Amino acid sequence: MNTSLNHPEPLAYSIADAVRVSAIGRTRLYALIGEGRLKATKVGKRTLIPAASLKALIAGEA
């Protein structure tokens, strides 16, 4: 069975989810956004972190 069809990888994370999956603290996450090392976009009132941006940061590419 293909589990990627059952649980597709998210395109973006909320701040709370990004903190949870990355083990980066909330304050540091906002600092990284402010430094331009992590991309963020607003959708309504929500701030979303693109999964690709978070992965690049963790991989040391940002």
C-alpha atoms as a PDB file:
ATOM      1  CA  MET A   1       0.000   0.000   0.000  1.00  0.00           C
ATOM      2  CA  ASN A   2       1.290   3.480  -0.872  1.00  0.00           C
ATOM      3  CA  THR A   3       1.221   5.557   2.314  1.00  0.00           C
ATOM      4  CA  SER A   4       2.030   8.814   0.490  1.00  0.00           C
ATOM      5  CA  LEU A   5      -1.461   8.713  -0.998  1.00  0.00           C
ATOM      6  CA  ASN A   6      -2.994   8.247   2.444  1.00  0.00           C
ATOM      7  CA  HIS A   7      -0.891  10.969   4.106  1.00  0.00           C
ATOM      8  CA  PRO A   8       0.311  13.468   1.506  1.00  0.00           C
ATOM      9  CA  GLU A   9       3.208  15.689   2.503  1.00  0.00           C
ATOM     10  CA  PRO A  10       2.011  19.193   3.413  1.00  0.00           C
ATOM     11  CA  LEU A  11       2.773  22.075   1.067  1.00  0.00           C
ATOM     12  CA  ALA A  12       3.126  24.463   4.003  1.00  0.00           C
ATOM     13  CA  TYR A  13       3.140  24.486   7.784  1.00  0.00           C
ATOM     14  CA  SER A  14       1.490  26.774  10.278  1.00  0.00           C
ATOM     15  CA  ILE A  15       3.882  28.339  12.787  1.00  0.00           C
ATOM     16  CA  ALA A  16       2.830  25.799  15.426  1.00  0.00           C
ATOM     17  CA  ASP A  17       3.323  22.873  13.043  1.00  0.00           C
ATOM     18  CA  ALA A  18       6.681  24.216  11.820  1.00  0.00           C
ATOM     19  CA  VAL A  19       7.852  24.466  15.436  1.00  0.00           C
ATOM     20  CA  ARG A  20       6.690  20.911  16.109  1.00  0.00           C
ATOM     21  CA  VAL A  21       8.220  19.245  13.038  1.00  0.00           C
ATOM     22  CA  SER A  22      11.505  21.181  13.073  1.00  0.00           C
ATOM     23  CA  ALA A  23      12.213  21.364  16.817  1.00  0.00           C
ATOM     24  CA  ILE A  24      13.023  25.061  16.326  1.00  0.00           C
ATOM     25  CA  GLY A  25      11.514  27.351  18.934  1.00  0.00           C
ATOM     26  CA  ARG A  26       8.768  29.792  18.027  1.00  0.00           C
ATOM     27  CA  THR A  27      10.886  32.876  18.764  1.00  0.00           C
ATOM     28  CA  ARG A  28      13.801  31.539  16.703  1.00  0.00           C
ATOM     29  CA  LEU A  29      11.433  30.648  13.860  1.00  0.00           C
ATOM     30  CA  TYR A  30      10.177  34.240  13.720  1.00  0.00           C
ATOM     31  CA  ALA A  31      13.792  35.473  13.880  1.00  0.00           C
ATOM     32  CA  LEU A  32      14.695  33.284  10.884  1.00  0.00           C
ATOM     33  CA  ILE A  33      11.735  34.723   8.979  1.00  0.00           C
ATOM     34  CA  GLY A  34      12.893  38.247   9.869  1.00  0.00           C
ATOM     35  CA  GLU A  35      16.441  37.448   8.708  1.00  0.00           C
ATOM     36  CA  GLY A  36      15.062  36.227   5.371  1.00  0.00           C
ATOM     37  CA  ARG A  37      16.450  32.722   5.913  1.00  0.00           C
ATOM     38  CA  LEU A  38      12.960  31.219   6.109  1.00  0.00           C
ATOM     39  CA  LYS A  39      10.122  32.142   3.777  1.00  0.00           C
ATOM     40  CA  ALA A  40       6.678  32.847   5.139  1.00  0.00           C
ATOM     41  CA  THR A  41       3.415  33.918   3.597  1.00  0.00           C
ATOM     42  CA  LYS A  42       0.196  35.229   5.068  1.00  0.00           C
ATOM     43  CA  VAL A  43      -3.096  33.609   4.115  1.00  0.00           C
ATOM     44  CA  GLY A  44      -5.732  35.639   5.831  1.00  0.00           C
ATOM     45  CA  LYS A  45      -4.569  35.885   9.436  1.00  0.00           C
ATOM     46  CA  ARG A  46      -2.450  32.717   9.267  1.00  0.00           C
ATOM     47  CA  THR A  47       1.273  32.701   8.654  1.00  0.00           C
ATOM     48  CA  LEU A  48       2.369  29.693   6.631  1.00  0.00           C
ATOM     49  CA  ILE A  49       5.884  28.374   6.108  1.00  0.00           C
ATOM     50  CA  PRO A  50       6.390  26.586   2.771  1.00  0.00           C
ATOM     51  CA  ALA A  51       7.606  23.042   3.396  1.00  0.00           C
ATOM     52  CA  ALA A  52      10.379  23.495   0.822  1.00  0.00           C
ATOM     53  CA  SER A  53      11.717  26.544   2.686  1.00  0.00           C
ATOM     54  CA  LEU A  54      11.737  24.691   6.017  1.00  0.00           C
ATOM     55  CA  LYS A  55      13.479  21.683   4.453  1.00  0.00           C
ATOM     56  CA  ALA A  56      16.110  23.935   2.835  1.00  0.00           C
ATOM     57  CA  LEU A  57      16.798  25.595   6.184  1.00  0.00           C
ATOM     58  CA  ILE A  58      17.207  22.257   7.955  1.00  0.00           C
ATOM     59  CA  ALA A  59      19.437  20.972   5.136  1.00  0.00           C
ATOM     60  CA  GLY A  60      21.689  24.002   5.565  1.00  0.00           C
ATOM     61  CA  GLU A  61      20.803  25.488   2.197  1.00  0.00           C
ATOM     62  CA  ALA A  62      19.239  28.690   3.576  1.00  0.00           C
END
